[in-house]
Amino acid sequence: MSDKPVLITMGDPSGVGAEVIVKALAGLDGAARAQYALIGDRDTMERARAACGVDLPLRDYGQEGPREVLAIRHIPVDGLPGEFGVLSPACGEASFRYIETAVRMILDGEAVGMVTAPINKEALNSAGHHYDGHTGMLAHLTGCRSSWMLLASATLNVVHVSTHVSLRDAIERATPERVFETVRIGHRHLRRMGIDKPRIAVAGINPHCGENGLFGREDDLQIAPGVEMARKAGIDVVGPISADTVYYRANQGAFDLVVAQYHDQGHIPIKLIAFDTAVNVSLGLPIDRTSVDHGTAFDIAGTGKANHVNMQSALDYAGKLAARRS
């Protein structure tokens, strides 16, 4: 185990992030908990701990103490509401600062990866940070031209050609080059995770992949050429395959990865079969990042009712990535 931590960013202070973090970490033994350190607000964590009724001692980051006692790097932000379930620009600012701090620590070699609790996009943008979410923000903070979202579960893995854009923009972004890069990035990640010869399927963008032009030519002109580029690069990839069958086939074991063309095409099947356990993984970045695949849930924040299973999965996946660092 590395002596450098995997960082956990607390997410929006008004959301359920602090609660799922304390629940997930309280359930780990001391040796497992020692892998992690928290970036966030100490008062919010204490209130979350009380709301959940769990015992999770905290120590200041950098302070001497038992490794199994969770270290927190407190980031002060003025104007935090001090209560859960409030949409607030201050919380958006806090969310950004937690992520920015974690990225800087990883790039400086102080940590080996990060796990992110949910942020609220409206709060983030109201604070002046105009990103579509974590993925775009992390690409900007790390100086990357682009990044990809992978949703990982026990039986189905999906990587997206595009995510938080309109359907019209998603169709335009599904260029042969972007499809090829998505296949290549997904292939590289699965090899890192121990699959020597990943089997990849690419979903079509139109019903029945356009039915030979009857329902559109995008699959013939944009998707198929990208698949062929990947095949020529030596990747075991097929497609485009009609999206109404490819996920079923992958879930039954025919493929290790499906390339989805847009957000809902990939998210719906994953959330149907693995709503509580699917992990959001950012690919194409110079840092490792996993995340829960749910939102801030303001309606139940502060009640202690939030399900922490997804956070447990994200922590576990981050640990696997840390063990496979090149």
Protein backbone atom coordinates (compact mmCIF):
# COMPACT_ATOMS: atom_id res chain seq x y z
CA MET A 1 0.00 0.00 0.00
CA SER A 2 1.32 3.44 -0.91
CA ASP A 3 2.22 5.83 1.89
CA LYS A 4 0.54 8.57 -0.15
CA PRO A 5 -3.24 8.83 0.22
CA VAL A 6 -6.15 8.65 -2.15
CA LEU A 7 -8.01 11.93 -1.58
CA ILE A 8 -11.76 12.18 -1.07
CA THR A 9 -13.36 15.51 -1.96
CA MET A 10 -16.44 16.23 0.14
CA GLY A 11 -18.59 17.63 -2.67
CA ASP A 12 -21.32 20.19 -2.06
CA PRO A 13 -21.46 20.89 1.71
CA SER A 14 -25.27 21.01 1.56
CA GLY A 15 -25.60 17.63 -0.11
CA VAL A 16 -25.28 14.02 1.00
CA GLY A 17 -21.56 13.80 0.20
CA ALA A 18 -20.37 14.16 3.80
CA GLU A 19 -22.88 11.55 4.99
CA VAL A 20 -21.99 8.87 2.46
CA ILE A 21 -18.31 9.50 3.16
CA VAL A 22 -18.61 9.03 6.93
CA LYS A 23 -20.78 5.93 6.52
CA ALA A 24 -18.46 4.33 3.97
CA LEU A 25 -15.26 5.05 5.89
CA ALA A 26 -16.71 4.04 9.25
CA GLY A 27 -17.38 0.63 7.73
CA LEU A 28 -13.72 0.06 6.82
CA ASP A 29 -11.10 -1.42 9.09
CA GLY A 30 -8.20 0.76 10.17
CA ALA A 31 -5.76 -0.49 7.56
CA ALA A 32 -8.19 0.15 4.70
CA ARG A 33 -9.17 3.58 6.02
CA ALA A 34 -5.49 4.56 6.17
CA GLN A 35 -5.43 4.71 2.35
CA TYR A 36 -7.58 7.84 2.31
CA ALA A 37 -7.54 11.50 3.31
CA LEU A 38 -10.39 13.99 3.08
CA ILE A 39 -10.54 17.45 1.51
CA GLY A 40 -13.51 19.45 2.76
CA ASP A 41 -15.12 21.30 5.64
CA ARG A 42 -14.57 19.95 9.14
CA ASP A 43 -17.78 21.36 10.63
CA THR A 44 -19.86 19.80 7.87
CA MET A 45 -18.19 16.44 8.46
CA GLU A 46 -18.91 16.64 12.18
CA ARG A 47 -22.57 17.44 11.51
CA ALA A 48 -22.78 14.56 9.04
CA ARG A 49 -21.20 12.21 11.55
CA ALA A 50 -23.81 13.20 14.14
CA ALA A 51 -26.67 12.85 11.64
CA CYS A 52 -25.54 9.34 10.73
CA GLY A 53 -24.76 8.30 14.29
CA VAL A 54 -21.35 6.86 13.42
CA ASP A 55 -17.99 7.06 15.14
CA LEU A 56 -15.33 8.36 12.78
CA PRO A 57 -12.51 10.26 14.50
CA LEU A 58 -10.81 13.00 12.48
CA ARG A 59 -7.36 14.55 12.66
CA ASP A 60 -5.92 17.52 10.82
CA TYR A 61 -4.09 16.68 7.61
CA GLY A 62 -0.34 16.70 8.26
CA GLN A 63 -0.83 16.24 12.00
CA GLU A 64 0.89 13.28 13.60
CA GLY A 65 -1.43 10.51 14.65
CA PRO A 66 -2.55 6.97 13.89
CA ARG A 67 -2.98 6.46 10.14
CA GLU A 68 -6.32 4.77 10.68
CA VAL A 69 -7.70 8.05 12.07
CA LEU A 70 -9.00 9.88 9.01
CA ALA A 71 -7.01 12.98 8.09
CA ILE A 72 -8.97 16.00 6.86
CA ARG A 73 -7.57 19.01 5.09
CA HIS A 74 -10.00 21.73 6.07
CA ILE A 75 -10.62 24.31 3.33
CA PRO A 76 -12.28 27.43 4.78
CA VAL A 77 -14.96 29.06 2.65
CA ASP A 78 -16.97 32.08 3.82
CA GLY A 79 -20.75 31.98 3.76
CA LEU A 80 -21.45 28.26 4.01
CA PRO A 81 -25.09 27.93 5.12
CA GLY A 82 -24.35 25.65 8.09
CA GLU A 83 -27.29 23.41 7.24
CA PHE A 84 -28.00 20.72 4.70
CA GLY A 85 -30.29 20.91 1.68
CA VAL A 86 -29.58 24.53 0.70
CA LEU A 87 -28.66 25.61 -2.82
CA SER A 88 -25.87 28.11 -2.28
CA PRO A 89 -23.15 29.82 -4.34
CA ALA A 90 -20.87 29.46 -1.31
CA CYS A 91 -21.32 25.70 -1.50
CA GLY A 92 -20.53 25.82 -5.21
CA GLU A 93 -17.35 27.74 -4.41
CA ALA A 94 -16.45 25.23 -1.71
CA SER A 95 -17.00 22.30 -4.09
CA PHE A 96 -14.63 23.87 -6.59
CA ARG A 97 -11.93 24.60 -4.03
CA TYR A 98 -11.98 21.04 -2.68
CA ILE A 99 -11.49 19.64 -6.17
CA GLU A 100 -8.88 22.22 -7.13
CA THR A 101 -6.89 21.44 -3.96
CA ALA A 102 -7.04 17.70 -4.56
CA VAL A 103 -5.89 18.04 -8.17
CA ARG A 104 -2.96 20.21 -7.15
CA MET A 105 -1.91 17.74 -4.45
CA ILE A 106 -1.99 14.83 -6.89
CA LEU A 107 -0.08 16.68 -9.60
CA ASP A 108 2.51 17.69 -6.97
CA GLY A 109 2.99 14.03 -6.03
CA GLU A 110 1.44 14.36 -2.57
CA ALA A 111 -1.42 11.93 -3.30
CA VAL A 112 -2.12 9.09 -5.75
CA GLY A 113 -5.70 9.71 -6.84
CA MET A 114 -9.07 11.09 -5.85
CA VAL A 115 -12.65 10.05 -5.13
CA THR A 116 -15.28 12.74 -5.53
CA ALA A 117 -18.54 13.10 -3.66
CA PRO A 118 -21.38 14.76 -5.62
CA ILE A 119 -21.45 18.43 -6.53
CA ASN A 120 -24.41 20.55 -7.60
CA LYS A 121 -23.92 22.02 -11.07
CA GLU A 122 -26.28 24.94 -10.42
CA ALA A 123 -24.42 25.91 -7.25
CA LEU A 124 -21.08 25.51 -9.03
CA ASN A 125 -22.11 27.78 -11.90
CA SER A 126 -23.71 30.33 -9.57
CA ALA A 127 -20.29 30.65 -7.92
CA GLY A 128 -18.78 31.58 -11.29
CA HIS A 129 -17.27 28.20 -12.17
CA HIS A 130 -18.84 27.37 -15.50
CA TYR A 131 -18.30 23.66 -16.00
CA ASP A 132 -20.63 20.87 -17.04
CA GLY A 133 -19.58 18.87 -13.99
CA HIS A 134 -16.55 17.06 -12.61
CA THR A 135 -15.30 15.68 -15.92
CA GLY A 136 -14.94 19.00 -17.72
CA MET A 137 -13.59 20.70 -14.63
CA LEU A 138 -10.92 18.07 -14.12
CA ALA A 139 -9.88 18.26 -17.76
CA HIS A 140 -9.44 22.04 -17.39
CA LEU A 141 -7.58 21.83 -14.07
CA THR A 142 -5.16 19.23 -15.40
CA GLY A 143 -4.61 20.96 -18.73
CA CYS A 144 -6.16 18.18 -20.80
CA ARG A 145 -7.74 18.78 -24.17
CA SER A 146 -10.42 16.20 -23.48
CA SER A 147 -11.55 13.50 -21.06
CA TRP A 148 -14.00 10.64 -21.00
CA MET A 149 -16.58 9.27 -18.57
CA LEU A 150 -16.58 5.54 -17.87
CA LEU A 151 -19.34 3.94 -15.81
CA ALA A 152 -18.11 0.69 -14.33
CA SER A 153 -20.14 -2.12 -12.77
CA ALA A 154 -19.74 -5.82 -12.13
CA THR A 155 -21.35 -6.91 -15.41
CA LEU A 156 -21.44 -3.82 -17.64
CA ASN A 157 -18.87 -1.12 -18.41
CA VAL A 158 -19.80 1.88 -20.56
CA VAL A 159 -17.61 4.71 -21.85
CA HIS A 160 -19.20 7.76 -23.47
CA VAL A 161 -18.26 9.57 -26.66
CA SER A 162 -19.95 12.67 -25.15
CA THR A 163 -21.79 13.37 -21.91
CA HIS A 164 -23.21 16.70 -20.73
CA VAL A 165 -24.23 18.22 -24.04
CA SER A 166 -27.50 18.44 -25.93
CA LEU A 167 -28.52 15.53 -28.13
CA ARG A 168 -27.99 17.72 -31.19
CA ASP A 169 -24.44 18.53 -30.07
CA ALA A 170 -23.80 14.89 -29.18
CA ILE A 171 -24.54 13.83 -32.75
CA GLU A 172 -22.12 16.44 -34.08
CA ARG A 173 -19.42 15.39 -31.62
CA ALA A 174 -19.61 11.73 -32.67
CA THR A 175 -16.91 12.15 -35.30
CA PRO A 176 -14.86 9.16 -36.51
CA GLU A 177 -11.83 10.56 -34.67
CA ARG A 178 -13.70 10.94 -31.38
CA VAL A 179 -15.21 7.45 -31.68
CA PHE A 180 -11.74 6.01 -32.32
CA GLU A 181 -10.22 7.89 -29.38
CA THR A 182 -13.02 6.71 -27.09
CA VAL A 183 -12.43 3.09 -28.08
CA ARG A 184 -8.69 3.49 -27.63
CA ILE A 185 -8.98 5.12 -24.21
CA GLY A 186 -11.43 2.46 -23.01
CA HIS A 187 -9.20 -0.33 -24.32
CA ARG A 188 -6.17 1.07 -22.51
CA HIS A 189 -8.09 1.38 -19.24
CA LEU A 190 -9.39 -2.20 -19.31
CA ARG A 191 -5.89 -3.50 -19.98
CA ARG A 192 -4.70 -1.56 -16.96
CA MET A 193 -7.46 -3.20 -14.93
CA GLY A 194 -6.20 -6.64 -15.87
CA ILE A 195 -8.16 -7.57 -19.00
CA ASP A 196 -5.47 -8.59 -21.51
CA LYS A 197 -7.67 -8.58 -24.62
CA PRO A 198 -10.72 -6.38 -24.05
CA ARG A 199 -13.75 -7.08 -26.23
CA ILE A 200 -15.38 -3.78 -27.15
CA ALA A 201 -18.70 -3.02 -28.82
CA VAL A 202 -19.69 0.38 -30.20
CA ALA A 203 -23.36 1.36 -29.98
CA GLY A 204 -25.03 2.94 -32.98
CA ILE A 205 -26.43 6.43 -32.71
CA ASN A 206 -29.67 5.95 -34.70
CA PRO A 207 -32.42 3.32 -34.32
CA HIS A 208 -31.13 0.06 -35.84
CA CYS A 209 -27.90 1.92 -36.73
CA GLY A 210 -29.84 3.85 -39.36
CA GLU A 211 -31.18 0.79 -41.22
CA ASN A 212 -28.90 1.37 -44.23
CA GLY A 213 -29.78 5.04 -44.38
CA LEU A 214 -33.51 4.71 -43.82
CA PHE A 215 -33.23 6.36 -40.37
CA GLY A 216 -30.16 8.50 -40.98
CA ARG A 217 -26.60 8.13 -42.30
CA GLU A 218 -24.67 9.09 -39.14
CA ASP A 219 -23.79 5.49 -38.29
CA ASP A 220 -22.40 4.88 -41.77
CA LEU A 221 -20.54 8.17 -42.08
CA GLN A 222 -19.42 8.89 -38.48
CA ILE A 223 -19.51 5.78 -36.29
CA ALA A 224 -18.41 2.98 -38.63
CA PRO A 225 -15.26 4.79 -39.83
CA GLY A 226 -14.17 5.34 -36.22
CA VAL A 227 -14.68 1.65 -35.46
CA GLU A 228 -12.61 0.72 -38.50
CA MET A 229 -9.81 3.03 -37.35
CA ALA A 230 -9.76 1.23 -33.99
CA ARG A 231 -9.80 -2.17 -35.66
CA LYS A 232 -6.82 -1.22 -37.80
CA ALA A 233 -5.02 -0.19 -34.59
CA GLY A 234 -5.29 -3.80 -33.41
CA ILE A 235 -8.23 -3.42 -31.02
CA ASP A 236 -10.88 -6.15 -30.77
CA VAL A 237 -13.90 -3.96 -31.52
CA VAL A 238 -17.18 -4.42 -33.37
CA GLY A 239 -19.91 -2.02 -34.36
CA PRO A 240 -21.90 -0.05 -34.73
CA ILE A 241 -24.41 -2.37 -33.05
CA SER A 242 -27.98 -1.33 -32.42
CA ALA A 243 -28.21 0.22 -28.96
CA ASP A 244 -31.40 -1.70 -28.14
CA THR A 245 -29.46 -5.00 -28.06
CA VAL A 246 -25.79 -4.23 -27.40
CA TYR A 247 -26.17 -3.53 -23.67
CA TYR A 248 -28.07 -6.76 -23.09
CA ARG A 249 -25.34 -8.70 -24.88
CA ALA A 250 -22.60 -6.98 -22.90
CA ASN A 251 -24.39 -7.58 -19.61
CA GLN A 252 -24.60 -11.26 -20.54
CA GLY A 253 -20.83 -11.40 -21.02
CA ALA A 254 -20.34 -10.94 -24.76
CA PHE A 255 -18.33 -7.71 -24.38
CA ASP A 256 -16.12 -6.14 -21.73
CA LEU A 257 -17.00 -2.57 -22.72
CA VAL A 258 -19.68 -0.70 -24.64
CA VAL A 259 -18.99 2.67 -26.25
CA ALA A 260 -22.11 4.82 -25.84
CA GLN A 261 -22.63 7.75 -28.17
CA TYR A 262 -24.25 10.13 -25.68
CA HIS A 263 -25.14 10.59 -22.02
CA ASP A 264 -28.52 8.90 -21.64
CA GLN A 265 -27.71 6.09 -24.04
CA GLY A 266 -24.99 4.95 -21.62
CA HIS A 267 -26.42 6.02 -18.28
CA ILE A 268 -29.86 4.43 -18.54
CA PRO A 269 -28.72 0.80 -18.85
CA ILE A 270 -26.07 1.18 -16.16
CA LYS A 271 -28.47 2.78 -13.70
CA LEU A 272 -31.07 0.15 -14.44
CA ILE A 273 -28.82 -2.76 -13.52
CA ALA A 274 -26.36 -1.19 -11.05
CA PHE A 275 -27.90 1.97 -9.63
CA ASP A 276 -26.24 1.64 -6.21
CA THR A 277 -22.90 0.19 -7.24
CA ALA A 278 -21.82 1.72 -10.58
CA VAL A 279 -18.69 3.86 -10.36
CA ASN A 280 -17.95 6.96 -12.43
CA VAL A 281 -14.32 6.85 -13.62
CA SER A 282 -12.58 9.69 -15.49
CA LEU A 283 -10.35 8.53 -18.34
CA GLY A 284 -7.78 10.44 -20.36
CA LEU A 285 -6.53 12.54 -17.45
CA PRO A 286 -3.03 12.55 -15.92
CA ILE A 287 -4.66 11.72 -12.57
CA ASP A 288 -6.89 8.90 -11.33
CA ARG A 289 -10.41 9.87 -10.33
CA THR A 290 -13.48 7.86 -9.38
CA SER A 291 -16.84 9.11 -8.17
CA VAL A 292 -20.24 8.09 -7.00
CA ASP A 293 -22.83 7.99 -9.77
CA HIS A 294 -25.52 10.00 -7.97
CA GLY A 295 -26.30 13.59 -7.14
CA THR A 296 -26.40 15.77 -4.04
CA ALA A 297 -29.91 14.64 -3.00
CA PHE A 298 -30.75 17.88 -1.17
CA ASP A 299 -34.15 16.46 -0.25
CA ILE A 300 -32.65 13.90 2.16
CA ALA A 301 -29.37 15.62 3.04
CA GLY A 302 -28.81 15.83 6.79
CA THR A 303 -31.24 13.04 7.63
CA GLY A 304 -28.67 10.24 7.73
CA LYS A 305 -30.72 8.25 5.21
CA ALA A 306 -28.36 8.49 2.22
CA ASN A 307 -27.19 5.13 0.86
CA HIS A 308 -23.40 4.86 1.02
CA VAL A 309 -22.97 1.68 -1.06
CA ASN A 310 -22.05 3.70 -4.16
CA MET A 311 -19.34 5.54 -2.23
CA GLN A 312 -17.97 2.21 -1.01
CA SER A 313 -17.74 1.07 -4.63
CA ALA A 314 -15.97 4.28 -5.68
CA LEU A 315 -13.45 3.94 -2.84
CA ASP A 316 -12.80 0.32 -3.74
CA TYR A 317 -12.25 1.13 -7.43
CA ALA A 318 -9.90 3.97 -6.53
CA GLY A 319 -7.91 1.57 -4.39
CA LYS A 320 -7.58 -0.82 -7.33
CA LEU A 321 -6.38 2.01 -9.55
CA ALA A 322 -3.80 3.04 -6.97
CA ALA A 323 -2.52 -0.54 -6.84
CA ARG A 324 -2.12 -0.50 -10.65
CA ARG A 325 -0.24 2.76 -10.98
CA SER A 326 2.49 2.53 -13.62
